[in-house]
C-alpha atoms as a PDB file:
ATOM      1  CA  MET A   1      19.256  12.421  56.441  1.00  0.00           C
ATOM      2  CA  LYS A   2      19.412  15.556  54.301  1.00  0.00           C
ATOM      3  CA  ASN A   3      22.725  14.381  52.852  1.00  0.00           C
ATOM      4  CA  LYS A   4      21.212  11.015  51.930  1.00  0.00           C
ATOM      5  CA  ILE A   5      18.266  12.702  50.214  1.00  0.00           C
ATOM      6  CA  SER A   6      20.620  15.044  48.345  1.00  0.00           C
ATOM      7  CA  LEU A   7      22.753  12.139  47.174  1.00  0.00           C
ATOM      8  CA  LEU A   8      19.641  10.261  46.034  1.00  0.00           C
ATOM      9  CA  LEU A   9      18.376  13.268  44.085  1.00  0.00           C
ATOM     10  CA  ILE A  10      21.771  13.725  42.439  1.00  0.00           C
ATOM     11  CA  ALA A  11      21.873  10.042  41.493  1.00  0.00           C
ATOM     12  CA  LEU A  12      18.395  10.214  39.983  1.00  0.00           C
ATOM     13  CA  LEU A  13      19.318  13.365  38.093  1.00  0.00           C
ATOM     14  CA  VAL A  14      22.436  11.725  36.649  1.00  0.00           C
ATOM     15  CA  ILE A  15      20.436   8.662  35.596  1.00  0.00           C
ATOM     16  CA  GLY A  16      17.788  10.893  34.021  1.00  0.00           C
ATOM     17  CA  LEU A  17      20.362  12.884  32.073  1.00  0.00           C
ATOM     18  CA  ALA A  18      22.025   9.695  30.891  1.00  0.00           C
ATOM     19  CA  SER A  19      18.743   8.243  29.667  1.00  0.00           C
ATOM     20  CA  CYS A  20      17.889  11.494  27.889  1.00  0.00           C
ATOM     21  CA  GLY A  21      21.201  11.324  26.093  1.00  0.00           C
ATOM     22  CA  GLN A  22      20.506   7.844  24.739  1.00  0.00           C
ATOM     23  CA  LYS A  23      19.086   8.026  21.232  1.00  0.00           C
ATOM     24  CA  ALA A  24      18.119   5.230  18.907  1.00  0.00           C
ATOM     25  CA  ALA A  25      20.862   4.495  16.406  1.00  0.00           C
ATOM     26  CA  LYS A  26      20.170   6.084  13.054  1.00  0.00           C
ATOM     27  CA  ILE A  27      19.069   3.624  10.398  1.00  0.00           C
ATOM     28  CA  GLU A  28      21.071   4.219   7.228  1.00  0.00           C
ATOM     29  CA  SER A  29      21.219   0.856   5.460  1.00  0.00           C
ATOM     30  CA  LEU A  30      19.055  -2.201   4.924  1.00  0.00           C
ATOM     31  CA  SER A  31      21.247  -4.217   7.285  1.00  0.00           C
ATOM     32  CA  ASP A  32      20.472  -1.699  10.043  1.00  0.00           C
ATOM     33  CA  LEU A  33      16.874  -2.960   9.899  1.00  0.00           C
ATOM     34  CA  GLN A  34      17.873  -6.464  10.969  1.00  0.00           C
ATOM     35  CA  GLY A  35      16.514  -7.095  14.448  1.00  0.00           C
ATOM     36  CA  LYS A  36      14.152  -4.126  14.154  1.00  0.00           C
ATOM     37  CA  VAL A  37      10.347  -3.976  14.046  1.00  0.00           C
ATOM     38  CA  ILE A  38       9.177  -3.578  10.452  1.00  0.00           C
ATOM     39  CA  GLY A  39       5.813  -2.304   9.268  1.00  0.00           C
ATOM     40  CA  ASN A  40       4.010  -3.834   6.327  1.00  0.00           C
ATOM     41  CA  LEU A  41       0.722  -3.396   4.473  1.00  0.00           C
ATOM     42  CA  SER A  42      -1.820  -6.158   5.092  1.00  0.00           C
ATOM     43  CA  SER A  43      -2.005  -8.502   2.145  1.00  0.00           C
ATOM     44  CA  GLY A  44      -3.550 -11.736   3.347  1.00  0.00           C
ATOM     45  CA  ALA A  45      -0.260 -13.643   3.321  1.00  0.00           C
ATOM     46  CA  SER A  46       0.899 -15.424   6.474  1.00  0.00           C
ATOM     47  CA  GLU A  47       3.257 -13.736   8.919  1.00  0.00           C
ATOM     48  CA  GLU A  48       5.794 -16.488   8.225  1.00  0.00           C
ATOM     49  CA  ASN A  49       5.848 -15.696   4.517  1.00  0.00           C
ATOM     50  CA  ALA A  50       5.914 -11.945   5.145  1.00  0.00           C
ATOM     51  CA  ILE A  51       8.923 -12.343   7.472  1.00  0.00           C
ATOM     52  CA  ALA A  52      10.682 -14.484   4.849  1.00  0.00           C
ATOM     53  CA  MET A  53      10.151 -11.798   2.222  1.00  0.00           C
ATOM     54  CA  ILE A  54      11.369  -8.971   4.490  1.00  0.00           C
ATOM     55  CA  SER A  55      14.368 -11.041   5.618  1.00  0.00           C
ATOM     56  CA  ALA A  56      15.424 -11.599   2.003  1.00  0.00           C
ATOM     57  CA  LEU A  57      15.300  -7.850   1.359  1.00  0.00           C
ATOM     58  CA  ILE A  58      17.249  -6.696   4.440  1.00  0.00           C
ATOM     59  CA  GLY A  59      19.656  -9.641   4.633  1.00  0.00           C
ATOM     60  CA  GLY A  60      18.471 -10.962   7.991  1.00  0.00           C
ATOM     61  CA  GLU A  61      15.430 -11.417  10.180  1.00  0.00           C
ATOM     62  CA  PRO A  62      13.534  -8.488  11.690  1.00  0.00           C
ATOM     63  CA  ALA A  63      12.515  -8.522  15.342  1.00  0.00           C
ATOM     64  CA  GLY A  64       8.939  -8.692  14.139  1.00  0.00           C
ATOM     65  CA  ILE A  65       6.448  -7.467  11.576  1.00  0.00           C
ATOM     66  CA  VAL A  66       3.354  -5.367  12.241  1.00  0.00           C
ATOM     67  CA  SER A  67       0.729  -5.172   9.491  1.00  0.00           C
ATOM     68  CA  TYR A  68      -1.463  -2.149   8.811  1.00  0.00           C
ATOM     69  CA  ASN A  69      -4.445  -1.550   6.548  1.00  0.00           C
ATOM     70  CA  ARG A  70      -3.278   1.672   4.896  1.00  0.00           C
ATOM     71  CA  ALA A  71      -0.055   3.454   4.026  1.00  0.00           C
ATOM     72  CA  ILE A  72      -1.153   6.391   6.191  1.00  0.00           C
ATOM     73  CA  ASP A  73      -1.449   4.039   9.187  1.00  0.00           C
ATOM     74  CA  VAL A  74       1.999   2.520   8.761  1.00  0.00           C
ATOM     75  CA  LEU A  75       3.492   6.011   8.345  1.00  0.00           C
ATOM     76  CA  ALA A  76       1.835   7.126  11.594  1.00  0.00           C
ATOM     77  CA  ALA A  77       3.292   4.067  13.336  1.00  0.00           C
ATOM     78  CA  LEU A  78       6.766   5.034  12.119  1.00  0.00           C
ATOM     79  CA  LYS A  79       6.338   8.597  13.365  1.00  0.00           C
ATOM     80  CA  SER A  80       5.208   7.430  16.802  1.00  0.00           C
ATOM     81  CA  GLY A  81       8.072   4.960  17.190  1.00  0.00           C
ATOM     82  CA  LYS A  82       5.926   1.825  17.084  1.00  0.00           C
ATOM     83  CA  ILE A  83       7.991   0.526  14.174  1.00  0.00           C
ATOM     84  CA  ASP A  84      11.528   1.247  12.969  1.00  0.00           C
ATOM     85  CA  GLY A  85      10.797   1.265   9.245  1.00  0.00           C
ATOM     86  CA  PHE A  86       8.420  -0.105   6.650  1.00  0.00           C
ATOM     87  CA  ALA A  87       8.592  -1.747   3.249  1.00  0.00           C
ATOM     88  CA  SER A  88       7.231   0.186   0.296  1.00  0.00           C
ATOM     89  CA  HIS A  89       6.950  -0.061  -3.453  1.00  0.00           C
ATOM     90  CA  GLN A  90       8.948   2.755  -5.007  1.00  0.00           C
ATOM     91  CA  PHE A  91       5.988   4.527  -6.632  1.00  0.00           C
ATOM     92  CA  ALA A  92       4.150   4.630  -3.289  1.00  0.00           C
ATOM     93  CA  ALA A  93       7.303   5.788  -1.494  1.00  0.00           C
ATOM     94  CA  ASP A  94       7.735   8.622  -4.003  1.00  0.00           C
ATOM     95  CA  TYR A  95       4.219   9.806  -3.166  1.00  0.00           C
ATOM     96  CA  LEU A  96       5.006   9.883   0.577  1.00  0.00           C
ATOM     97  CA  LEU A  97       8.471  11.404   0.224  1.00  0.00           C
ATOM     98  CA  LYS A  98       7.077  14.343  -1.763  1.00  0.00           C
ATOM     99  CA  ARG A  99       4.761  15.133   1.142  1.00  0.00           C
ATOM    100  CA  ASP A 100       6.944  14.479   4.185  1.00  0.00           C
ATOM    101  CA  THR A 101      10.464  15.838   4.630  1.00  0.00           C
ATOM    102  CA  GLN A 102      11.020  13.929   7.888  1.00  0.00           C
ATOM    103  CA  ILE A 103      11.351  10.519   6.250  1.00  0.00           C
ATOM    104  CA  VAL A 104      13.880   8.981   3.865  1.00  0.00           C
ATOM    105  CA  ALA A 105      13.989   5.916   1.642  1.00  0.00           C
ATOM    106  CA  ILE A 106      16.627   3.195   1.698  1.00  0.00           C
ATOM    107  CA  PRO A 107      16.440   1.539  -1.736  1.00  0.00           C
ATOM    108  CA  VAL A 108      16.502  -2.202  -2.302  1.00  0.00           C
ATOM    109  CA  VAL A 109      19.161  -2.682  -4.973  1.00  0.00           C
ATOM    110  CA  ASP A 110      20.294  -6.305  -4.738  1.00  0.00           C
ATOM    111  CA  VAL A 111      16.862  -7.912  -5.120  1.00  0.00           C
ATOM    112  CA  PRO A 112      14.829  -7.167  -8.274  1.00  0.00           C
ATOM    113  CA  ILE A 113      11.306  -6.060  -7.410  1.00  0.00           C
ATOM    114  CA  GLU A 114       8.470  -6.007  -9.892  1.00  0.00           C
ATOM    115  CA  GLY A 115       4.770  -6.179  -9.264  1.00  0.00           C
ATOM    116  CA  HIS A 116       1.392  -5.954 -10.925  1.00  0.00           C
ATOM    117  CA  ALA A 117      -1.831  -4.244  -9.966  1.00  0.00           C
ATOM    118  CA  ILE A 118      -4.907  -6.210 -10.992  1.00  0.00           C
ATOM    119  CA  MET A 119      -8.625  -6.361 -10.315  1.00  0.00           C
ATOM    120  CA  ALA A 120     -10.145  -9.477  -8.784  1.00  0.00           C
ATOM    121  CA  VAL A 121     -13.663 -10.795  -9.369  1.00  0.00           C
ATOM    122  CA  ARG A 122     -15.455 -13.925  -8.189  1.00  0.00           C
ATOM    123  CA  SER A 123     -14.514 -17.114 -10.022  1.00  0.00           C
ATOM    124  CA  GLU A 124     -17.971 -17.456 -11.533  1.00  0.00           C
ATOM    125  CA  ASP A 125     -17.892 -13.934 -12.975  1.00  0.00           C
ATOM    126  CA  VAL A 126     -15.918 -14.971 -16.040  1.00  0.00           C
ATOM    127  CA  LYS A 127     -17.895 -12.622 -18.284  1.00  0.00           C
ATOM    128  CA  LEU A 128     -17.118  -9.622 -16.066  1.00  0.00           C
ATOM    129  CA  LYS A 129     -13.414 -10.522 -16.071  1.00  0.00           C
ATOM    130  CA  SER A 130     -13.467 -10.772 -19.863  1.00  0.00           C
ATOM    131  CA  MET A 131     -15.161  -7.377 -20.144  1.00  0.00           C
ATOM    132  CA  LEU A 132     -12.633  -5.737 -17.839  1.00  0.00           C
ATOM    133  CA  ASP A 133      -9.735  -7.390 -19.675  1.00  0.00           C
ATOM    134  CA  SER A 134     -10.940  -6.116 -23.036  1.00  0.00           C
ATOM    135  CA  ALA A 135     -11.277  -2.559 -21.711  1.00  0.00           C
ATOM    136  CA  ILE A 136      -7.831  -2.666 -20.055  1.00  0.00           C
ATOM    137  CA  ILE A 137      -6.259  -3.794 -23.338  1.00  0.00           C
ATOM    138  CA  ILE A 138      -7.991  -0.990 -25.260  1.00  0.00           C
ATOM    139  CA  LEU A 139      -6.886   1.644 -22.746  1.00  0.00           C
ATOM    140  CA  ARG A 140      -3.351   0.287 -22.701  1.00  0.00           C
ATOM    141  CA  ASP A 141      -3.100   0.251 -26.501  1.00  0.00           C
ATOM    142  CA  ASN A 142      -4.542   3.738 -27.026  1.00  0.00           C
ATOM    143  CA  GLY A 143      -2.239   5.326 -24.439  1.00  0.00           C
ATOM    144  CA  THR A 144      -4.940   6.215 -21.905  1.00  0.00           C
ATOM    145  CA  ILE A 145      -3.414   4.158 -19.092  1.00  0.00           C
ATOM    146  CA  SER A 146      -0.012   5.774 -19.661  1.00  0.00           C
ATOM    147  CA  ALA A 147      -1.638   9.220 -19.556  1.00  0.00           C
ATOM    148  CA  LEU A 148      -3.439   8.356 -16.305  1.00  0.00           C
ATOM    149  CA  GLU A 149      -0.167   7.137 -14.773  1.00  0.00           C
ATOM    150  CA  LEU A 150       1.485  10.460 -15.582  1.00  0.00           C
ATOM    151  CA  GLU A 151      -1.427  12.463 -14.173  1.00  0.00           C
ATOM    152  CA  TRP A 152      -2.239  10.467 -11.039  1.00  0.00           C
ATOM    153  CA  ILE A 153       1.077   8.838 -10.101  1.00  0.00           C
ATOM    154  CA  THR A 154       4.235  10.217 -11.705  1.00  0.00           C
ATOM    155  CA  ASN A 155       3.408  13.926 -11.925  1.00  0.00           C
ATOM    156  CA  LEU A 156       0.890  14.364  -9.095  1.00  0.00           C
ATOM    157  CA  PRO A 157       2.086  17.570  -7.348  1.00  0.00           C
ATOM    158  CA  ALA A 158       3.044  17.376  -3.680  1.00  0.00           C
ATOM    159  CA  GLU A 159       0.514  20.072  -2.803  1.00  0.00           C
ATOM    160  CA  ASN A 160      -2.304  18.122  -4.448  1.00  0.00           C
ATOM    161  CA  GLU A 161      -4.132  15.087  -3.157  1.00  0.00           C
ATOM    162  CA  PRO A 162      -6.084  12.763  -5.438  1.00  0.00           C
ATOM    163  CA  ALA A 163      -9.561  14.233  -5.806  1.00  0.00           C
ATOM    164  CA  PHE A 164     -12.845  12.484  -6.456  1.00  0.00           C
ATOM    165  CA  ASN A 165     -14.497  13.380  -9.718  1.00  0.00           C
ATOM    166  CA  GLU A 166     -18.009  12.020  -9.748  1.00  0.00           C
ATOM    167  CA  ILE A 167     -18.540   9.572 -12.575  1.00  0.00           C
ATOM    168  CA  PRO A 168     -21.684  10.348 -14.591  1.00  0.00           C
ATOM    169  CA  VAL A 169     -24.350   7.678 -14.147  1.00  0.00           C
ATOM    170  CA  ILE A 170     -25.401   5.897 -17.330  1.00  0.00           C
ATOM    171  CA  GLU A 171     -29.168   5.493 -17.174  1.00  0.00           C
ATOM    172  CA  GLY A 172     -30.346   1.913 -17.587  1.00  0.00           C
ATOM    173  CA  ALA A 173     -26.812   0.480 -17.467  1.00  0.00           C
ATOM    174  CA  ALA A 174     -25.712  -2.325 -15.160  1.00  0.00           C
ATOM    175  CA  ASN A 175     -24.190  -1.375 -11.796  1.00  0.00           C
ATOM    176  CA  TYR A 176     -21.065  -3.021 -10.392  1.00  0.00           C
ATOM    177  CA  TYR A 177     -19.833  -2.409  -6.857  1.00  0.00           C
ATOM    178  CA  VAL A 178     -16.118  -1.854  -6.310  1.00  0.00           C
ATOM    179  CA  GLY A 179     -14.291  -2.115  -2.980  1.00  0.00           C
ATOM    180  CA  VAL A 180     -11.744   0.629  -2.303  1.00  0.00           C
ATOM    181  CA  SER A 181      -9.581   0.418   0.823  1.00  0.00           C
ATOM    182  CA  GLY A 182      -7.206   3.345   0.342  1.00  0.00           C
ATOM    183  CA  ASP A 183      -4.287   1.096   1.224  1.00  0.00           C
ATOM    184  CA  LEU A 184      -1.813   2.295  -1.376  1.00  0.00           C
ATOM    185  CA  PRO A 185      -2.025   5.918  -2.537  1.00  0.00           C
ATOM    186  CA  PRO A 186      -1.954   7.290  -5.129  1.00  0.00           C
ATOM    187  CA  LEU A 187      -3.083   4.005  -6.716  1.00  0.00           C
ATOM    188  CA  ASP A 188      -5.819   3.117  -4.241  1.00  0.00           C
ATOM    189  CA  TYR A 189      -6.885   6.194  -2.287  1.00  0.00           C
ATOM    190  CA  VAL A 190      -9.705   7.296  -0.004  1.00  0.00           C
ATOM    191  CA  ALA A 191      -9.872  11.051   0.636  1.00  0.00           C
ATOM    192  CA  SER A 192     -10.300  12.562   4.098  1.00  0.00           C
ATOM    193  CA  ASP A 193     -13.989  13.100   3.330  1.00  0.00           C
ATOM    194  CA  GLY A 194     -14.401   9.360   2.766  1.00  0.00           C
ATOM    195  CA  PHE A 195     -14.710   9.467  -1.016  1.00  0.00           C
ATOM    196  CA  PRO A 196     -12.569   7.053  -3.075  1.00  0.00           C
ATOM    197  CA  ALA A 197     -10.233   8.777  -5.523  1.00  0.00           C
ATOM    198  CA  GLY A 198      -6.874   8.366  -7.237  1.00  0.00           C
ATOM    199  CA  PHE A 199      -5.616   6.348 -10.180  1.00  0.00           C
ATOM    200  CA  ASN A 200      -7.899   3.336  -9.711  1.00  0.00           C
ATOM    201  CA  VAL A 201     -11.054   5.451  -9.693  1.00  0.00           C
ATOM    202  CA  ALA A 202      -9.877   7.418 -12.726  1.00  0.00           C
ATOM    203  CA  LEU A 203      -9.182   4.153 -14.552  1.00  0.00           C
ATOM    204  CA  LEU A 204     -12.626   2.719 -13.807  1.00  0.00           C
ATOM    205  CA  SER A 205     -14.185   5.943 -15.047  1.00  0.00           C
ATOM    206  CA  GLU A 206     -12.603   5.273 -18.445  1.00  0.00           C
ATOM    207  CA  ILE A 207     -13.517   1.578 -18.349  1.00  0.00           C
ATOM    208  CA  GLY A 208     -17.146   2.473 -17.610  1.00  0.00           C
ATOM    209  CA  LYS A 209     -17.298   4.609 -20.750  1.00  0.00           C
ATOM    210  CA  ILE A 210     -16.006   1.769 -22.914  1.00  0.00           C
ATOM    211  CA  LEU A 211     -18.221  -0.953 -21.435  1.00  0.00           C
ATOM    212  CA  ASN A 212     -21.282   1.273 -20.909  1.00  0.00           C
ATOM    213  CA  ILE A 213     -21.624   0.228 -17.265  1.00  0.00           C
ATOM    214  CA  ASN A 214     -21.735   2.032 -13.908  1.00  0.00           C
ATOM    215  CA  PHE A 215     -19.297   1.562 -11.049  1.00  0.00           C
ATOM    216  CA  LYS A 216     -20.358   2.252  -7.461  1.00  0.00           C
ATOM    217  CA  PHE A 217     -17.524   2.608  -4.950  1.00  0.00           C
ATOM    218  CA  VAL A 218     -17.608   1.104  -1.467  1.00  0.00           C
ATOM    219  CA  SER A 219     -14.989   2.005   1.159  1.00  0.00           C
ATOM    220  CA  LEU A 220     -13.791  -0.978   3.207  1.00  0.00           C
ATOM    221  CA  GLU A 221     -10.838  -2.244   5.234  1.00  0.00           C
ATOM    222  CA  THR A 222      -8.038  -3.958   3.333  1.00  0.00           C
ATOM    223  CA  GLN A 223      -8.402  -7.232   5.236  1.00  0.00           C
ATOM    224  CA  ALA A 224     -12.136  -7.346   4.483  1.00  0.00           C
ATOM    225  CA  ARG A 225     -11.755  -7.181   0.695  1.00  0.00           C
ATOM    226  CA  PHE A 226     -11.903 -10.858  -0.167  1.00  0.00           C
ATOM    227  CA  THR A 227     -14.625 -11.581   2.385  1.00  0.00           C
ATOM    228  CA  ALA A 228     -16.775  -8.795   0.941  1.00  0.00           C
ATOM    229  CA  LEU A 229     -16.141 -10.123  -2.567  1.00  0.00           C
ATOM    230  CA  ALA A 230     -17.031 -13.714  -1.650  1.00  0.00           C
ATOM    231  CA  SER A 231     -20.221 -12.615   0.148  1.00  0.00           C
ATOM    232  CA  LYS A 232     -21.272 -10.617  -2.946  1.00  0.00           C
ATOM    233  CA  LYS A 233     -21.339  -7.289  -1.124  1.00  0.00           C
ATOM    234  CA  ILE A 234     -19.036  -6.042  -3.870  1.00  0.00           C
ATOM    235  CA  ASP A 235     -18.171  -7.310  -7.345  1.00  0.00           C
ATOM    236  CA  ILE A 236     -14.618  -6.062  -7.877  1.00  0.00           C
ATOM    237  CA  ILE A 237     -11.594  -5.417  -5.688  1.00  0.00           C
ATOM    238  CA  PHE A 238      -8.154  -4.004  -6.415  1.00  0.00           C
ATOM    239  CA  CYS A 239      -5.046  -6.039  -5.594  1.00  0.00           C
ATOM    240  CA  HIS A 240      -1.314  -5.645  -6.072  1.00  0.00           C
ATOM    241  CA  PHE A 241       1.176  -8.497  -6.111  1.00  0.00           C
ATOM    242  CA  GLN A 242       4.955  -8.595  -6.127  1.00  0.00           C
ATOM    243  CA  SER A 243       5.393 -10.972  -9.040  1.00  0.00           C
ATOM    244  CA  THR A 244       9.110 -11.475  -8.321  1.00  0.00           C
ATOM    245  CA  ASN A 245       8.237 -13.303  -5.081  1.00  0.00           C
ATOM    246  CA  THR A 246       6.421 -16.411  -6.311  1.00  0.00           C
ATOM    247  CA  ASN A 247       5.912 -18.028  -2.894  1.00  0.00           C
ATOM    248  CA  TYR A 248       4.299 -14.863  -1.587  1.00  0.00           C
ATOM    249  CA  PHE A 249       2.077 -14.664  -4.663  1.00  0.00           C
ATOM    250  CA  ASP A 250       1.099 -18.350  -4.605  1.00  0.00           C
ATOM    251  CA  GLU A 251      -0.119 -18.101  -1.016  1.00  0.00           C
ATOM    252  CA  LEU A 252      -2.497 -15.305  -1.978  1.00  0.00           C
ATOM    253  CA  LYS A 253      -4.065 -17.328  -4.778  1.00  0.00           C
ATOM    254  CA  ASN A 254      -7.580 -18.412  -3.993  1.00  0.00           C
ATOM    255  CA  ASP A 255     -10.012 -20.604  -5.889  1.00  0.00           C
ATOM    256  CA  GLY A 256     -12.797 -18.174  -5.043  1.00  0.00           C
ATOM    257  CA  TRP A 257     -11.552 -15.366  -7.292  1.00  0.00           C
ATOM    258  CA  ILE A 258      -9.857 -14.716 -10.614  1.00  0.00           C
ATOM    259  CA  ALA A 259      -7.580 -11.881 -11.692  1.00  0.00           C
ATOM    260  CA  THR A 260      -7.856  -9.509 -14.616  1.00  0.00           C
ATOM    261  CA  GLN A 261      -5.059  -8.428 -16.877  1.00  0.00           C
ATOM    262  CA  PRO A 262      -2.536  -6.245 -15.019  1.00  0.00           C
ATOM    263  CA  TYR A 263      -3.412  -2.580 -15.454  1.00  0.00           C
ATOM    264  CA  PHE A 264      -0.318  -1.159 -13.751  1.00  0.00           C
ATOM    265  CA  VAL A 265       3.218  -2.545 -13.545  1.00  0.00           C
ATOM    266  CA  TYR A 266       5.599  -1.185 -10.922  1.00  0.00           C
ATOM    267  CA  ARG A 267       9.298  -1.714 -10.372  1.00  0.00           C
ATOM    268  CA  GLY A 268      11.609  -1.006  -7.485  1.00  0.00           C
ATOM    269  CA  GLY A 269      11.168  -0.986  -3.752  1.00  0.00           C
ATOM    270  CA  CYS A 270      12.614   0.517  -0.602  1.00  0.00           C
ATOM    271  CA  PHE A 271      12.232   0.838   3.151  1.00  0.00           C
ATOM    272  CA  ILE A 272      11.007   4.105   4.640  1.00  0.00           C
ATOM    273  CA  VAL A 273      12.643   5.249   7.891  1.00  0.00           C
ATOM    274  CA  ASN A 274      12.764   8.432   9.950  1.00  0.00           C
ATOM    275  CA  LYS A 275      15.524  10.912   9.168  1.00  0.00           C
END
């Protein structure tokens, strides 16, 4: 009996050691992501269209796609092994890579990626769209947007996080409520204390000065943006679209809202994986 127990314990020990020695294959190329679980930021597009987009980038279908509301959530999922990698715009990946030495980027080189960040307002708010467009054009032409990009995106130090600088209230001016989800730092960012910050907030601060209006920021979940806009809980939301994927963009179009001029153009993309 003792011999049988000893043999059983030895067998279990051998199995345990063998399982401990098995490690997930290192992901080093886009093709390595085929058949893997990929993370993605929620956008409102269907899972079918999201899978088609990811498949085109990695050269084959993933095992599945899991959507998250914020970049910090999808990064946590990668760290915990819930996903094998996630798609990222290059500017957002650069922000993460500066702050985390345990992840790497696999660039997408064979598929051109370009996208636009815009603001969306309700379809009936044509005047508000026109006002925002005029301010965006002024800030683009006078170099302010380029300066904000350098400060809040390109040259933001790794040891610094976007900080909220309270925008002075203009007495007697109209108030507009802006939804901020923090889905894509440093563009759209919500600090740990719950205050919106980053490039988008800095941009609206400059727009408010030009238009002589006040912006009030409301933190909300990414997937709730368009619902909150339609129900008039907020007046403006931030969106970003990959303009090189027309099917993906067309699905996100909605008769209930209209887009402003692009205020930020980004190029390049990659997949983030663990080292």
